[in-house]
């Protein structure tokens, strides 16, 4: 019995020694392949990277990533390749396979393993294949996406192996697309390539279009009709998504016009005042945001993501106060004289612009985006930026607030009464001068919070408001003077129309065409889309 146990122990020991020897030999072979990257030409290194990828060993991933980033160096003395990191005058050496730190070396004792764009493409494909079997779903998904964007025939076997073993539905769908893309650049039979063309065409997008266009140049005659149909299908999809993107841009522009015009709709509708300084109220709101962010940056940097929430009420108060002073000090003496009001408010706009130039300077000021307004996301074929999305939602919230104020509050009732018949409202005991003052302050305050929003997408400068004043008047006149629903419909209609015309007519000619169309429309409906009703209004 004892002899039998000793015999079995010796057998296990021999097997273990053999396995260790095999692992060591494999590790030595892998290290030799890694060291061969140093001193080779770009073409030789491309073949070497492909050979390393075929081993399927995940230990080579950090080294290949370092090579792509230009952080792989060879020691001149013995030809060993290391990943390096700066360490003062020297380089810190990291073993290319184990990731262990192995000391430092003078920079002169090392030579960089050079890399070009062609080698980087091969590295990306190799990394994609190596990470397809990762236990992490997100890593596998990213690897499949990399192969889909840069397909190679060498990656096809690895993709098919990973596809057979994949259990996650999302990763499997991307792998199937990646397999189709790799088949197109391989020497597989025409029947397989036809099925791959259909899959790539169904995937859509510009990457798929480029892939099919490249395949068309060298395609077999029997395959060319399928590729041409696929290209046409993708181009039609892209055209539809481009139209959708233009509509999104139009909605975005419409929300900006709504914010800029909604305050003007109130003052113009209730008071009949042509306020040429309305754009400067928008500008003051943007500069209020700049001042708030400067204070936060210097004293309370942790509150930066709350800067807009802090700036909104302050901008409303600042511009509302300026509007109240304007109405009490200048405009109330000019009621019934629209041309003189226009000249007076234009003079105020010049004064405000020059005051801002004197205080803040004539150059653009930096206003940052909070983290929750930064970046973008993909929605099908649309690219949606978060700052534009939040501005659309904000403009609709402001619209809903003003609608509630006008329809459900005593102040709104008085404003509507003054709008429809000023004399009758006055005879009923409404203090029309104070309604005018509060209305003008409200419209100016709304312009101020519009400036807070516009500071996130436009340059903050003394001329900020000048870019929106003409468009704001067009929105108000087109929608119907004093009607909030008309302002909403007018803003989004003009925004979409501008962006639909731009690709065909250009930005300048597009604006001219919009102006001509509005003039023609006003000839038919002088009171706009939604005309207010009332004795004084209709008189």
Protein backbone atom coordinates (compact mmCIF):
# COMPACT_ATOMS: atom_id res chain seq x y z
CA UNK A 1 0.00 0.00 0.00
CA UNK A 2 2.76 2.45 0.96
CA UNK A 3 4.70 1.67 -2.23
CA UNK A 4 1.55 2.34 -4.28
CA UNK A 5 1.06 5.74 -2.63
CA UNK A 6 4.67 6.69 -3.26
CA UNK A 7 4.28 5.63 -6.91
CA UNK A 8 1.17 7.80 -7.38
CA UNK A 9 2.88 10.74 -5.71
CA UNK A 10 5.82 10.43 -8.07
CA UNK A 11 3.45 10.29 -11.06
CA UNK A 12 1.67 13.49 -9.93
CA UNK A 13 5.01 15.18 -9.34
CA UNK A 14 6.20 14.28 -12.83
CA UNK A 15 2.96 15.61 -14.39
CA UNK A 16 3.24 18.85 -12.42
CA UNK A 17 6.86 19.31 -13.45
CA UNK A 18 5.93 18.70 -17.08
CA UNK A 19 3.10 21.23 -16.91
CA UNK A 20 5.37 23.79 -15.27
CA UNK A 21 7.97 23.21 -17.94
CA UNK A 22 5.31 23.65 -20.64
CA UNK A 23 4.08 26.90 -19.06
CA UNK A 24 7.62 28.21 -18.73
CA UNK A 25 8.39 27.29 -22.34
CA UNK A 26 5.15 29.01 -23.47
CA UNK A 27 6.01 32.08 -21.39
CA UNK A 28 9.52 32.13 -22.89
CA UNK A 29 8.07 31.84 -26.39
CA UNK A 30 5.60 34.67 -25.65
CA UNK A 31 8.37 36.86 -24.25
CA UNK A 32 10.53 36.16 -27.29
CA UNK A 33 7.65 37.18 -29.55
CA UNK A 34 7.15 40.35 -27.50
CA UNK A 35 10.85 41.23 -27.64
CA UNK A 36 10.78 40.76 -31.43
CA UNK A 37 8.66 43.93 -31.65
CA UNK A 38 11.78 45.99 -30.96
CA UNK A 39 13.85 46.92 -33.98
CA UNK A 40 11.40 45.59 -36.57
CA UNK A 41 9.87 47.58 -39.41
CA UNK A 42 6.23 48.63 -39.33
CA UNK A 43 5.28 45.77 -41.65
CA UNK A 44 7.22 43.24 -39.56
CA UNK A 45 5.62 44.51 -36.36
CA UNK A 46 2.16 44.24 -37.91
CA UNK A 47 2.80 40.55 -38.58
CA UNK A 48 4.26 40.15 -35.08
CA UNK A 49 1.17 41.72 -33.48
CA UNK A 50 -1.05 39.38 -35.49
CA UNK A 51 1.05 36.40 -34.32
CA UNK A 52 0.77 37.54 -30.71
CA UNK A 53 -3.00 37.92 -31.09
CA UNK A 54 -3.30 34.34 -32.38
CA UNK A 55 -1.88 33.05 -29.09
CA UNK A 56 -5.08 34.30 -27.41
CA UNK A 57 -3.13 35.06 -24.23
CA UNK A 58 -4.71 38.02 -22.37
CA UNK A 59 -1.34 38.83 -20.73
CA UNK A 60 -0.24 40.61 -23.90
CA UNK A 61 -3.12 43.14 -23.78
CA UNK A 62 -1.30 45.78 -21.59
CA UNK A 63 1.78 45.59 -23.83
CA UNK A 64 -0.24 46.07 -27.02
CA UNK A 65 -2.13 48.99 -25.45
CA UNK A 66 1.22 50.53 -24.44
CA UNK A 67 2.52 50.03 -28.00
CA UNK A 68 -0.51 51.85 -29.42
CA UNK A 69 0.07 54.72 -26.98
CA UNK A 70 3.82 54.92 -27.70
CA UNK A 71 4.82 53.68 -24.23
CA UNK A 72 6.62 50.47 -25.27
CA UNK A 73 10.45 50.64 -25.28
CA UNK A 74 13.29 48.18 -25.92
CA UNK A 75 16.41 48.07 -23.78
CA UNK A 76 19.44 48.45 -26.04
CA UNK A 77 21.66 46.24 -23.93
CA UNK A 78 19.71 42.97 -24.19
CA UNK A 79 16.73 43.71 -26.49
CA UNK A 80 14.11 43.21 -23.77
CA UNK A 81 10.86 45.12 -24.30
CA UNK A 82 9.27 47.00 -21.39
CA UNK A 83 6.29 49.23 -20.72
CA UNK A 84 7.71 52.49 -19.40
CA UNK A 85 6.49 55.40 -17.33
CA UNK A 86 8.36 58.69 -16.75
CA UNK A 87 10.30 58.85 -13.48
CA UNK A 88 12.19 62.13 -13.46
CA UNK A 89 15.28 61.84 -15.66
CA UNK A 90 14.77 58.07 -16.00
CA UNK A 91 12.07 55.66 -17.11
CA UNK A 92 10.32 53.29 -14.70
CA UNK A 93 10.39 49.80 -16.25
CA UNK A 94 7.31 47.55 -16.13
CA UNK A 95 7.46 43.92 -17.27
CA UNK A 96 5.50 43.67 -20.52
CA UNK A 97 3.85 40.36 -19.56
CA UNK A 98 3.50 40.35 -15.78
CA UNK A 99 3.00 44.07 -15.15
CA UNK A 100 5.55 44.02 -12.31
CA UNK A 101 7.89 46.96 -11.78
CA UNK A 102 11.47 45.89 -12.45
CA UNK A 103 13.43 49.04 -11.66
CA UNK A 104 14.46 52.14 -13.56
CA UNK A 105 16.67 52.84 -16.55
CA UNK A 106 18.19 55.93 -18.09
CA UNK A 107 16.25 57.24 -21.07
CA UNK A 108 19.34 56.99 -23.27
CA UNK A 109 19.55 53.23 -22.59
CA UNK A 110 16.12 52.62 -24.13
CA UNK A 111 14.77 52.87 -27.65
CA UNK A 112 11.10 53.53 -28.41
CA UNK A 113 9.20 50.90 -30.39
CA UNK A 114 7.79 53.07 -33.15
CA UNK A 115 4.17 52.90 -34.24
CA UNK A 116 2.17 54.37 -37.13
CA UNK A 117 -1.52 54.49 -38.02
CA UNK A 118 -1.42 51.21 -39.95
CA UNK A 119 0.11 49.41 -36.98
CA UNK A 120 -2.41 51.02 -34.63
CA UNK A 121 -5.27 49.62 -36.75
CA UNK A 122 -3.78 46.13 -36.49
CA UNK A 123 -3.36 46.59 -32.73
CA UNK A 124 -6.99 47.65 -32.35
CA UNK A 125 -8.13 44.56 -34.19
CA UNK A 126 -5.87 42.34 -32.11
CA UNK A 127 -7.05 43.87 -28.85
CA UNK A 128 -10.64 43.38 -29.93
CA UNK A 129 -10.07 39.67 -30.54
CA UNK A 130 -8.18 39.18 -27.27
CA UNK A 131 -10.92 40.76 -25.16
CA UNK A 132 -13.84 38.98 -26.81
CA UNK A 133 -13.62 36.17 -24.24
CA UNK A 134 -13.38 38.47 -21.22
CA UNK A 135 -15.66 37.60 -18.28
CA UNK A 136 -16.69 41.27 -18.15
CA UNK A 137 -19.72 41.90 -20.41
CA UNK A 138 -18.82 45.55 -20.99
CA UNK A 139 -15.29 44.59 -22.09
CA UNK A 140 -16.68 42.03 -24.57
CA UNK A 141 -19.16 44.58 -25.90
CA UNK A 142 -16.42 47.16 -26.39
CA UNK A 143 -14.19 44.59 -28.12
CA UNK A 144 -16.99 43.54 -30.48
CA UNK A 145 -17.63 47.21 -31.29
CA UNK A 146 -13.94 47.74 -32.07
CA UNK A 147 -13.92 44.85 -34.55
CA UNK A 148 -17.15 46.12 -36.09
CA UNK A 149 -15.56 49.53 -36.73
CA UNK A 150 -12.19 48.15 -37.95
CA UNK A 151 -12.89 44.65 -39.32
CA UNK A 152 -10.06 42.36 -40.47
CA UNK A 153 -10.07 38.87 -41.93
CA UNK A 154 -7.66 37.71 -39.19
CA UNK A 155 -10.26 38.54 -36.51
CA UNK A 156 -12.93 36.37 -38.13
CA UNK A 157 -12.01 33.07 -36.43
CA UNK A 158 -11.90 34.74 -33.01
CA UNK A 159 -15.25 36.43 -33.61
CA UNK A 160 -16.92 33.19 -34.62
CA UNK A 161 -15.48 31.38 -31.59
CA UNK A 162 -16.70 34.14 -29.28
CA UNK A 163 -20.08 34.21 -31.00
CA UNK A 164 -20.60 30.49 -30.39
CA UNK A 165 -19.82 30.91 -26.69
CA UNK A 166 -21.62 34.23 -26.10
CA UNK A 167 -24.74 34.21 -23.91
CA UNK A 168 -25.44 37.94 -23.56
CA UNK A 169 -27.99 39.14 -26.14
CA UNK A 170 -26.57 42.65 -26.63
CA UNK A 171 -23.00 41.41 -27.10
CA UNK A 172 -24.19 38.64 -29.42
CA UNK A 173 -26.00 41.14 -31.66
CA UNK A 174 -22.85 43.26 -32.02
CA UNK A 175 -20.74 40.14 -32.61
CA UNK A 176 -23.02 39.08 -35.45
CA UNK A 177 -22.57 42.47 -37.08
CA UNK A 178 -18.81 42.31 -36.49
CA UNK A 179 -18.70 38.85 -38.08
CA UNK A 180 -20.55 40.15 -41.16
CA UNK A 181 -18.13 43.09 -41.42
CA UNK A 182 -15.13 40.75 -41.16
CA UNK A 183 -16.56 38.37 -43.79
CA UNK A 184 -16.71 41.25 -46.29
CA UNK A 185 -12.94 41.78 -46.07
CA UNK A 186 -12.16 38.04 -46.10
CA UNK A 187 -11.97 35.42 -48.86
CA UNK A 188 -15.12 33.58 -47.79
CA UNK A 189 -17.55 32.28 -50.47
CA UNK A 190 -19.88 34.69 -52.28
CA UNK A 191 -22.96 33.19 -50.61
CA UNK A 192 -21.61 34.09 -47.17
CA UNK A 193 -20.67 37.55 -48.36
CA UNK A 194 -24.21 38.16 -49.67
CA UNK A 195 -25.63 37.35 -46.25
CA UNK A 196 -22.97 39.60 -44.70
CA UNK A 197 -23.93 42.48 -47.01
CA UNK A 198 -27.55 42.20 -45.86
CA UNK A 199 -26.46 42.25 -42.19
CA UNK A 200 -24.16 45.25 -42.69
CA UNK A 201 -26.86 47.14 -44.60
CA UNK A 202 -29.33 46.42 -41.82
CA UNK A 203 -26.83 47.79 -39.27
CA UNK A 204 -26.72 51.12 -41.10
CA UNK A 205 -24.59 54.13 -40.24
CA UNK A 206 -21.65 55.81 -41.91
CA UNK A 207 -19.20 53.08 -40.84
CA UNK A 208 -21.33 50.48 -42.64
CA UNK A 209 -21.57 52.74 -45.68
CA UNK A 210 -17.78 53.09 -45.80
CA UNK A 211 -17.38 49.33 -45.42
CA UNK A 212 -19.74 48.55 -48.30
CA UNK A 213 -18.24 51.27 -50.49
CA UNK A 214 -14.75 49.83 -49.94
CA UNK A 215 -16.02 46.30 -50.65
CA UNK A 216 -17.71 47.43 -53.88
CA UNK A 217 -14.39 48.34 -55.49
CA UNK A 218 -13.06 44.78 -55.38
CA UNK A 219 -16.32 42.81 -55.27
CA UNK A 220 -17.21 39.90 -57.52
CA UNK A 221 -19.68 40.76 -60.28
CA UNK A 222 -22.33 38.53 -58.74
CA UNK A 223 -21.96 40.40 -55.44
CA UNK A 224 -21.98 43.97 -56.77
CA UNK A 225 -25.79 44.31 -57.13
CA UNK A 226 -26.29 43.29 -53.50
CA UNK A 227 -23.69 45.79 -52.31
CA UNK A 228 -25.19 48.59 -54.43
CA UNK A 229 -28.66 47.87 -53.00
CA UNK A 230 -27.18 47.89 -49.50
CA UNK A 231 -25.41 51.21 -50.12
CA UNK A 232 -28.63 52.78 -51.42
CA UNK A 233 -30.53 51.47 -48.40
CA UNK A 234 -28.01 52.99 -45.99
CA UNK A 235 -27.95 56.31 -47.87
CA UNK A 236 -31.76 56.50 -47.65
CA UNK A 237 -31.57 55.83 -43.90
CA UNK A 238 -28.89 58.46 -43.44
CA UNK A 239 -30.97 60.99 -45.39
CA UNK A 240 -33.93 60.35 -43.08
CA UNK A 241 -31.75 60.67 -39.97
CA UNK A 242 -30.21 63.86 -41.39
CA UNK A 243 -33.70 65.32 -41.80
CA UNK A 244 -34.49 64.25 -38.24
CA UNK A 245 -31.27 65.87 -37.03
CA UNK A 246 -32.25 69.13 -38.76
CA UNK A 247 -35.65 69.01 -37.05
CA UNK A 248 -33.91 68.46 -33.70
CA UNK A 249 -31.65 71.45 -34.40
CA UNK A 250 -34.78 73.41 -35.31
CA UNK A 251 -36.45 72.50 -32.02
CA UNK A 252 -33.27 73.51 -30.22
CA UNK A 253 -33.17 76.86 -32.03
CA UNK A 254 -36.90 77.28 -31.42
CA UNK A 255 -36.42 76.83 -27.66
CA UNK A 256 -33.75 79.55 -27.72
CA UNK A 257 -36.05 81.87 -29.68
CA UNK A 258 -38.89 81.08 -27.28
CA UNK A 259 -36.77 82.04 -24.27
CA UNK A 260 -35.60 85.23 -25.95
CA UNK A 261 -39.06 86.23 -27.22
CA UNK A 262 -41.42 85.20 -24.45
CA UNK A 263 -40.60 88.20 -22.26
CA UNK A 264 -40.94 90.48 -25.26
CA UNK A 265 -44.35 88.97 -26.04
CA UNK A 266 -45.57 90.04 -22.59
CA UNK A 267 -44.33 93.65 -22.74
CA UNK A 268 -45.19 94.17 -26.38
CA UNK A 269 -48.62 92.61 -26.02
CA UNK A 270 -49.72 94.33 -22.81
CA UNK A 271 -48.03 97.69 -23.22
CA UNK A 272 -47.51 98.07 -26.95
CA UNK A 273 -43.88 99.05 -26.28
CA UNK A 274 -41.23 98.27 -28.90
CA UNK A 275 -38.39 97.54 -26.47
CA UNK A 276 -35.12 97.60 -28.40
CA UNK A 277 -33.23 97.01 -25.12
CA UNK A 278 -34.81 93.57 -24.65
CA UNK A 279 -31.70 91.88 -26.06
CA UNK A 280 -29.57 93.67 -23.46
CA UNK A 281 -31.74 92.15 -20.72
CA UNK A 282 -30.77 88.75 -22.11
CA UNK A 283 -27.13 89.87 -22.10
CA UNK A 284 -27.35 91.05 -18.45
CA UNK A 285 -28.73 87.65 -17.45
CA UNK A 286 -25.77 85.94 -19.12
CA UNK A 287 -23.30 88.24 -17.34
CA UNK A 288 -25.04 87.53 -14.04
CA UNK A 289 -24.29 83.84 -14.66
CA UNK A 290 -20.66 84.73 -15.38
CA UNK A 291 -20.32 86.67 -12.11
CA UNK A 292 -21.94 83.87 -10.09
CA UNK A 293 -19.57 81.30 -11.60
CA UNK A 294 -16.55 83.50 -10.94
CA UNK A 295 -17.50 83.80 -7.26
CA UNK A 296 -18.09 80.03 -7.04
CA UNK A 297 -14.79 79.22 -8.77
CA UNK A 298 -12.78 81.39 -6.38
CA UNK A 299 -14.62 80.76 -3.11
CA UNK A 300 -16.93 77.72 -3.34
CA UNK A 301 -15.64 75.39 -6.12
CA UNK A 302 -17.70 72.48 -4.81
CA UNK A 303 -20.91 74.33 -5.72
CA UNK A 304 -20.13 74.70 -9.42
CA UNK A 305 -22.82 72.21 -10.50
CA UNK A 306 -25.33 74.42 -8.67
CA UNK A 307 -24.17 77.62 -10.35
CA UNK A 308 -27.11 77.84 -12.76
CA UNK A 309 -29.64 77.20 -10.00
CA UNK A 310 -28.08 80.09 -8.07
CA UNK A 311 -27.84 82.34 -11.13
CA UNK A 312 -31.48 81.93 -12.24
CA UNK A 313 -33.19 83.87 -9.40
CA UNK A 314 -30.36 86.42 -9.29
CA UNK A 315 -30.62 87.06 -13.05
CA UNK A 316 -34.40 87.44 -12.74
CA UNK A 317 -34.03 89.99 -9.92
CA UNK A 318 -31.23 91.95 -11.59
CA UNK A 319 -32.88 92.29 -15.00
CA UNK A 320 -36.34 92.73 -13.45
CA UNK A 321 -35.01 95.64 -11.40
CA UNK A 322 -33.36 97.19 -14.47
CA UNK A 323 -36.65 96.83 -16.38
CA UNK A 324 -38.62 98.41 -13.54
CA UNK A 325 -36.24 101.40 -13.44
CA UNK A 326 -36.49 101.75 -17.24
CA UNK A 327 -40.29 101.74 -17.15
CA UNK A 328 -40.61 104.15 -14.22
CA UNK A 329 -37.82 106.45 -15.40
CA UNK A 330 -38.30 106.61 -19.16
CA UNK A 331 -41.01 104.55 -20.79
CA UNK A 332 -44.02 105.70 -18.74
CA UNK A 333 -43.55 109.20 -20.15
CA UNK A 334 -43.66 107.93 -23.74
CA UNK A 335 -46.86 105.83 -23.86
CA UNK A 336 -48.75 106.36 -27.10
CA UNK A 337 -45.60 107.43 -28.95
CA UNK A 338 -44.14 104.17 -30.32
CA UNK A 339 -41.38 105.70 -32.47
CA UNK A 340 -40.04 107.76 -29.55
CA UNK A 341 -40.20 104.66 -27.34
CA UNK A 342 -38.22 102.72 -29.93
CA UNK A 343 -35.51 105.41 -30.05
CA UNK A 344 -35.38 105.73 -26.27
CA UNK A 345 -35.01 101.98 -25.66
CA UNK A 346 -32.43 101.77 -28.43
CA UNK A 347 -30.44 104.45 -26.61
CA UNK A 348 -30.77 102.47 -23.37
CA UNK A 349 -29.47 99.37 -25.16
CA UNK A 350 -26.35 101.28 -26.29
CA UNK A 351 -25.79 102.56 -22.75
CA UNK A 352 -26.09 99.06 -21.28
CA UNK A 353 -23.73 97.61 -23.88
CA UNK A 354 -21.11 100.24 -23.19
CA UNK A 355 -21.49 99.85 -19.42
CA UNK A 356 -20.84 96.11 -19.73
CA UNK A 357 -17.83 96.75 -21.98
CA UNK A 358 -16.40 99.16 -19.42
CA UNK A 359 -16.89 96.74 -16.52
CA UNK A 360 -16.10 93.35 -18.06
CA UNK A 361 -14.23 94.26 -21.24
CA UNK A 362 -15.19 93.75 -24.90
CA UNK A 363 -14.00 90.13 -25.18
CA UNK A 364 -16.02 86.97 -24.65
CA UNK A 365 -16.27 85.73 -21.07
CA UNK A 366 -15.98 82.09 -20.07
CA UNK A 367 -19.15 80.51 -18.72
CA UNK A 368 -18.79 76.80 -17.99
CA UNK A 369 -21.27 73.96 -18.33
CA UNK A 370 -22.15 72.03 -15.17
CA UNK A 371 -21.43 68.31 -15.41
CA UNK A 372 -25.11 67.47 -15.92
CA UNK A 373 -25.24 69.73 -19.00
CA UNK A 374 -22.04 68.44 -20.60
CA UNK A 375 -21.67 65.77 -23.25
CA UNK A 376 -24.15 64.15 -25.62
CA UNK A 377 -25.90 60.87 -26.25
CA UNK A 378 -26.96 58.94 -29.34
CA UNK A 379 -30.64 58.37 -30.09
CA UNK A 380 -30.77 56.16 -33.15
CA UNK A 381 -29.00 58.23 -35.78
CA UNK A 382 -29.43 61.49 -33.84
CA UNK A 383 -26.77 63.16 -31.71
CA UNK A 384 -28.44 64.94 -28.80
CA UNK A 385 -26.38 67.27 -26.59
CA UNK A 386 -27.42 67.51 -22.97
CA UNK A 387 -27.22 71.33 -22.81
CA UNK A 388 -29.67 71.71 -25.72
CA UNK A 389 -31.97 69.09 -24.22
CA UNK A 390 -32.08 70.89 -20.86
CA UNK A 391 -32.68 74.27 -22.56
CA UNK A 392 -35.70 72.85 -24.43
CA UNK A 393 -37.13 71.50 -21.17
CA UNK A 394 -36.33 74.76 -19.38
CA UNK A 395 -38.01 76.90 -22.06
CA UNK A 396 -41.16 74.75 -21.84
CA UNK A 397 -41.10 75.06 -18.02
CA UNK A 398 -40.86 78.87 -18.28
CA UNK A 399 -43.72 78.85 -20.78
CA UNK A 400 -45.87 76.72 -18.45
CA UNK A 401 -45.08 79.04 -15.52
CA UNK A 402 -46.07 82.16 -17.45
CA UNK A 403 -49.22 80.47 -18.71
CA UNK A 404 -50.17 79.64 -15.12
CA UNK A 405 -49.35 83.19 -14.03
CA UNK A 406 -51.54 84.75 -16.72
CA UNK A 407 -54.48 82.34 -16.41
CA UNK A 408 -54.65 81.48 -12.71
CA UNK A 409 -53.44 84.49 -10.70
CA UNK A 410 -54.94 87.94 -9.93
CA UNK A 411 -51.93 89.62 -11.52
CA UNK A 412 -52.46 87.64 -14.71
CA UNK A 413 -56.14 88.58 -14.74
CA UNK A 414 -55.25 92.26 -14.48
CA UNK A 415 -52.63 91.96 -17.21
CA UNK A 416 -55.14 90.31 -19.56
CA UNK A 417 -57.74 92.97 -18.73
CA UNK A 418 -55.32 95.79 -19.52
CA UNK A 419 -54.29 94.02 -22.75
CA UNK A 420 -57.88 93.66 -23.99
CA UNK A 421 -59.25 97.08 -22.92
CA UNK A 422 -57.06 99.48 -20.97
CA UNK A 423 -59.76 102.13 -20.38
CA UNK A 424 -62.32 99.63 -19.17
CA UNK A 425 -59.72 98.02 -16.86
CA UNK A 426 -58.85 101.42 -15.42
CA UNK A 427 -62.51 102.26 -14.82
CA UNK A 428 -62.87 98.96 -12.92
CA UNK A 429 -60.22 100.06 -10.42
CA UNK A 430 -57.15 98.34 -11.87
CA UNK A 431 -54.06 100.51 -11.41
CA UNK A 432 -52.88 100.30 -14.99
CA UNK A 433 -49.59 102.20 -14.42
CA UNK A 434 -48.47 99.61 -11.86
CA UNK A 435 -49.64 96.76 -14.06
CA UNK A 436 -47.47 98.27 -16.81
CA UNK A 437 -44.48 98.56 -14.47
CA UNK A 438 -44.79 95.02 -13.09
CA UNK A 439 -45.41 93.63 -16.57
CA UNK A 440 -42.30 95.31 -17.93
CA UNK A 441 -40.27 94.07 -14.94
CA UNK A 442 -41.63 90.54 -15.47
CA UNK A 443 -40.76 90.56 -19.18
CA UNK A 444 -37.26 91.87 -18.40
CA UNK A 445 -36.80 89.22 -15.69
CA UNK A 446 -37.81 86.46 -18.09
CA UNK A 447 -35.26 87.82 -20.57
CA UNK A 448 -32.66 87.62 -17.79
CA UNK A 449 -33.26 83.94 -17.10
CA UNK A 450 -33.20 83.39 -20.87
CA UNK A 451 -29.68 84.84 -20.73
CA UNK A 452 -28.72 82.24 -18.12
CA UNK A 453 -29.74 79.47 -20.50
CA UNK A 454 -28.15 81.10 -23.56
CA UNK A 455 -24.84 81.45 -21.70
CA UNK A 456 -24.52 77.66 -21.98
CA UNK A 457 -24.61 77.58 -25.79
CA UNK A 458 -23.47 81.02 -26.97
CA UNK A 459 -20.61 83.45 -26.43
CA UNK A 460 -21.15 85.77 -23.47
CA UNK A 461 -20.21 89.20 -24.77
CA UNK A 462 -21.70 92.73 -24.83
CA UNK A 463 -23.23 91.90 -28.23
CA UNK A 464 -25.02 88.74 -27.08
CA UNK A 465 -28.52 90.24 -27.17
CA UNK A 466 -28.14 91.77 -30.62
CA UNK A 467 -28.23 88.33 -32.22
CA UNK A 468 -31.71 87.61 -30.85
CA UNK A 469 -33.65 90.87 -30.84
CA UNK A 470 -34.72 90.79 -34.52
CA UNK A 471 -35.64 87.10 -34.39
CA UNK A 472 -37.59 87.73 -31.17
CA UNK A 473 -39.70 90.42 -32.82
CA UNK A 474 -40.33 88.12 -35.79
CA UNK A 475 -41.51 85.35 -33.45
CA UNK A 476 -43.86 87.71 -31.58
CA UNK A 477 -45.35 89.24 -34.73
CA UNK A 478 -45.68 85.87 -36.48
CA UNK A 479 -47.31 84.15 -33.50
CA UNK A 480 -49.66 86.99 -32.61
CA UNK A 481 -48.81 89.99 -30.44
CA UNK A 482 -49.29 89.25 -26.75
CA UNK A 483 -50.37 85.62 -27.20
CA UNK A 484 -48.15 83.08 -25.41
CA UNK A 485 -49.39 80.11 -27.44
CA UNK A 486 -48.64 82.06 -30.60
CA UNK A 487 -45.14 82.77 -29.31
CA UNK A 488 -44.59 79.05 -28.62
CA UNK A 489 -45.81 77.93 -32.04
CA UNK A 490 -44.03 80.80 -33.78
CA UNK A 491 -40.69 80.12 -32.08
CA UNK A 492 -40.60 76.41 -32.89
CA UNK A 493 -42.00 76.94 -36.41
CA UNK A 494 -39.36 79.53 -37.29
CA UNK A 495 -36.60 77.47 -35.65
CA UNK A 496 -37.45 74.35 -37.66
CA UNK A 497 -37.96 76.33 -40.88
CA UNK A 498 -34.54 77.98 -40.46
CA UNK A 499 -32.75 74.67 -39.97
CA UNK A 500 -34.61 72.92 -42.80
CA UNK A 501 -33.70 75.70 -45.25
CA UNK A 502 -30.05 76.06 -44.17
CA UNK A 503 -28.66 72.92 -45.89
CA UNK A 504 -30.15 74.03 -49.22
CA UNK A 505 -29.95 77.83 -49.11
CA UNK A 506 -27.21 78.58 -46.55
CA UNK A 507 -27.58 80.34 -43.22
CA UNK A 508 -27.84 83.94 -44.54
CA UNK A 509 -30.11 83.23 -47.51
CA UNK A 510 -32.19 80.95 -45.29
CA UNK A 511 -32.88 83.82 -42.88
CA UNK A 512 -33.79 86.08 -45.78
CA UNK A 513 -36.25 83.50 -47.11
CA UNK A 514 -37.80 83.15 -43.64
CA UNK A 515 -38.21 86.94 -43.43
CA UNK A 516 -39.84 87.05 -46.86
CA UNK A 517 -42.21 84.25 -45.90
CA UNK A 518 -43.18 86.06 -42.69
CA UNK A 519 -43.86 89.29 -44.63
CA UNK A 520 -46.09 87.40 -47.04
CA UNK A 521 -47.86 85.70 -44.15
CA UNK A 522 -48.46 89.01 -42.34
CA UNK A 523 -50.02 90.39 -45.53
CA UNK A 524 -52.69 87.70 -45.20
CA UNK A 525 -52.97 87.66 -41.38
CA UNK A 526 -51.84 91.03 -40.00
CA UNK A 527 -52.47 89.94 -36.39
CA UNK A 528 -50.39 86.76 -36.64
CA UNK A 529 -51.30 83.15 -36.05
CA UNK A 530 -53.26 83.69 -32.82
CA UNK A 531 -54.75 87.16 -32.64
CA UNK A 532 -55.90 88.49 -29.27
CA UNK A 533 -59.57 89.38 -28.96
CA UNK A 534 -61.03 92.38 -27.20
CA UNK A 535 -62.68 95.71 -27.99
CA UNK A 536 -59.50 97.75 -27.74
CA UNK A 537 -57.48 95.18 -29.61
CA UNK A 538 -59.95 94.85 -32.44
CA UNK A 539 -60.51 98.58 -32.77
